[in-house]
Protein backbone atom coordinates (compact mmCIF):
# COMPACT_ATOMS: atom_id res chain seq x y z
CA MET A 1 5.64 -3.56 19.80
CA VAL A 2 6.20 -3.62 16.04
CA VAL A 3 3.90 -2.63 13.19
CA GLY A 4 2.50 -5.69 11.50
CA ARG A 5 3.40 -6.24 7.92
CA ARG A 6 1.63 -8.38 5.41
CA LEU A 7 2.82 -10.65 2.70
CA PRO A 8 2.81 -8.65 -0.51
CA VAL A 9 1.02 -9.68 -3.67
CA SER A 10 3.95 -10.05 -6.03
CA VAL A 11 4.51 -11.12 -9.60
CA PRO A 12 7.63 -11.42 -11.77
CA ARG A 13 8.50 -8.94 -14.51
CA GLY A 14 6.71 -9.68 -17.75
CA THR A 15 3.46 -10.70 -16.07
CA THR A 16 0.48 -9.45 -18.04
CA ILE A 17 -1.77 -6.67 -16.80
CA ALA A 18 -4.68 -9.15 -16.78
CA GLU A 19 -2.74 -11.54 -14.52
CA CYS A 20 -1.82 -8.67 -12.18
CA LEU A 21 -5.43 -7.58 -11.87
CA LEU A 22 -6.50 -11.17 -11.18
CA ALA A 23 -3.82 -11.47 -8.49
CA ILE A 24 -5.14 -8.33 -6.78
CA GLN A 25 -8.74 -9.58 -7.00
CA ARG A 26 -7.85 -13.09 -5.84
CA THR A 27 -6.09 -11.99 -2.66
CA GLY A 28 -8.58 -9.26 -1.75
CA THR A 29 -5.95 -7.64 0.49
CA GLY A 30 -5.17 -4.45 -1.32
CA ASP A 31 -4.95 -2.45 -4.45
CA SER A 32 -1.33 -3.04 -5.46
CA VAL A 33 0.82 -5.73 -6.93
CA PHE A 34 4.58 -5.63 -6.48
CA VAL A 35 6.81 -6.62 -9.38
CA THR A 36 10.09 -8.42 -8.78
CA ASP A 37 13.05 -8.95 -11.09
CA ASP A 38 14.61 -12.32 -11.94
CA ASP A 39 16.55 -12.29 -8.67
CA GLY A 40 13.47 -11.54 -6.55
CA ARG A 41 14.35 -7.90 -5.89
CA LEU A 42 11.69 -5.21 -6.03
CA ALA A 43 11.52 -3.74 -9.54
CA GLY A 44 8.26 -1.82 -9.40
CA VAL A 45 4.68 -1.59 -8.28
CA LEU A 46 1.38 -1.54 -10.11
CA ALA A 47 -0.85 0.47 -7.78
CA GLU A 48 -4.41 1.69 -8.02
CA ARG A 49 -3.02 5.06 -9.14
CA ASP A 50 -1.26 3.35 -12.06
CA ILE A 51 -4.34 1.37 -12.96
CA PHE A 52 -6.67 4.36 -13.04
CA GLY A 53 -4.18 6.99 -14.15
CA ARG A 54 -2.40 5.10 -16.88
CA LEU A 55 -4.79 2.38 -17.91
CA VAL A 56 -8.08 4.21 -17.67
CA GLY A 57 -7.17 7.91 -17.37
CA PRO A 58 -6.28 10.05 -20.38
CA ASP A 59 -6.48 7.25 -22.94
CA VAL A 60 -10.09 6.24 -22.31
CA GLY A 61 -11.50 4.85 -25.51
CA GLN A 62 -8.05 4.01 -26.83
CA GLY A 63 -8.28 0.48 -25.45
CA VAL A 64 -5.84 -1.17 -23.12
CA ASP A 65 -4.00 -4.31 -24.03
CA VAL A 66 -4.46 -6.40 -20.91
CA ASP A 67 -2.02 -8.89 -22.40
CA ALA A 68 0.74 -6.26 -22.27
CA PRO A 69 3.49 -6.82 -19.70
CA VAL A 70 3.15 -4.97 -16.42
CA ASP A 71 6.59 -3.44 -16.98
CA ALA A 72 5.09 -0.84 -19.32
CA TYR A 73 2.59 0.42 -16.74
CA MET A 74 4.23 -0.06 -13.34
CA THR A 75 5.96 2.60 -11.29
CA THR A 76 9.65 1.69 -11.30
CA ASN A 77 11.92 2.14 -8.29
CA PRO A 78 9.11 2.90 -5.82
CA HIS A 79 9.85 4.40 -2.43
CA THR A 80 10.34 1.70 0.16
CA LEU A 81 10.80 1.14 3.87
CA ARG A 82 13.47 -0.97 5.53
CA LEU A 83 12.81 -3.22 8.48
CA ASP A 84 14.65 -0.88 10.86
CA GLN A 85 12.60 2.23 10.00
CA THR A 86 10.03 3.69 12.35
CA VAL A 87 6.27 4.16 12.23
CA LEU A 88 6.94 7.86 11.79
CA ASP A 89 9.01 7.10 8.68
CA ALA A 90 6.10 5.08 7.28
CA LEU A 91 3.59 7.83 8.05
CA GLU A 92 5.78 10.52 6.50
CA LEU A 93 6.28 8.46 3.34
CA MET A 94 2.57 7.71 3.07
CA GLN A 95 1.68 11.37 3.53
CA SER A 96 4.34 12.90 1.29
CA SER A 97 3.99 10.41 -1.56
CA LEU A 98 0.28 9.67 -1.12
CA TYR A 99 0.97 5.94 -0.76
CA ARG A 100 -1.47 3.58 0.87
CA ASN A 101 0.74 0.52 0.56
CA VAL A 102 4.48 0.76 1.14
CA PRO A 103 6.80 -2.11 0.24
CA VAL A 104 9.26 -3.23 2.90
CA VAL A 105 12.63 -4.41 1.61
CA ASP A 106 15.82 -5.73 3.12
CA ASP A 107 19.28 -4.27 2.46
CA GLN A 108 19.50 -6.04 -0.92
CA ARG A 109 16.02 -4.76 -1.97
CA PHE A 110 14.38 -8.17 -1.60
CA LEU A 111 10.68 -7.68 -0.95
CA VAL A 112 9.92 -8.86 2.61
CA GLY A 113 6.49 -7.34 3.23
CA VAL A 114 4.11 -4.47 2.78
CA VAL A 115 2.79 -1.97 5.31
CA ARG A 116 -0.69 -0.61 4.74
CA GLN A 117 -2.44 2.31 6.40
CA ILE A 118 -4.66 -0.07 8.34
CA ASP A 119 -1.55 -1.74 9.82
CA ILE A 120 -0.42 1.60 11.23
CA LEU A 121 -3.89 2.40 12.56
CA LYS A 122 -4.04 -0.98 14.32
CA PHE A 123 -0.57 -0.41 15.77
CA LEU A 124 -1.56 3.00 17.14
CA ALA A 125 -4.86 1.70 18.54
CA GLU A 126 -3.06 -1.15 20.32
CA SER A 127 -0.27 1.10 21.57
CA PHE A 128 -2.53 3.90 22.85
CA PRO A 129 -5.96 2.33 23.44
CA GLU A 130 -7.07 4.60 26.25
CA GLU A 131 -6.08 7.81 24.49
CA LEU A 132 -7.72 6.84 21.19
CA LEU A 133 -10.83 5.10 22.46
CA ASN A 134 -11.75 7.93 24.84
CA LEU A 135 -11.64 10.70 22.25
CA PRO A 136 -14.92 12.25 21.10
CA PRO A 137 -15.70 11.73 17.40
CA ARG A 138 -14.24 15.18 16.72
CA PRO A 139 -11.52 16.29 19.17
CA HIS A 140 -12.90 19.86 19.36
CA GLN A 141 -16.43 18.59 20.00
CA ARG A 142 -17.95 19.11 23.45
CA MET A 143 -21.01 17.13 24.47
CA GLU A 144 -23.86 19.11 26.06
CA GLN A 145 -25.12 16.07 27.94
CA ALA A 146 -23.51 12.94 29.21
CA GLU A 147 -23.90 9.99 26.87
CA GLY A 148 -27.34 8.48 27.28
CA GLY A 149 -28.52 11.49 29.29
């Protein structure tokens, strides 16, 4: 079994912030837009952290030019996963870098998908249904009575 990956929301370099935000809203699948260069390789990502931290954060009241190119606000050279990496690699990257959406690239850095936290949760639930579905809400919790009793 393989973790599912989704088609990423992607835009070319030079796309305006307004167009990026519309792309995120239109798809309704996440909180990130991936930016590709002229050759289609991953150049950066505009994530929720960038939107709130750079666009809204310390410069509140300064105004944001939504017609500015995304290049000025995106995170360049984001961490990525390759198709041959494991679920553990994805989890470690998400935990260490606090990513919710990780771009998946091929050997030439062409964007081929995105793995989200929900994709990993679905993978684990499908791989270990009995173990996960039979756990109490809190693993240390002990029920005094049988359910319904």
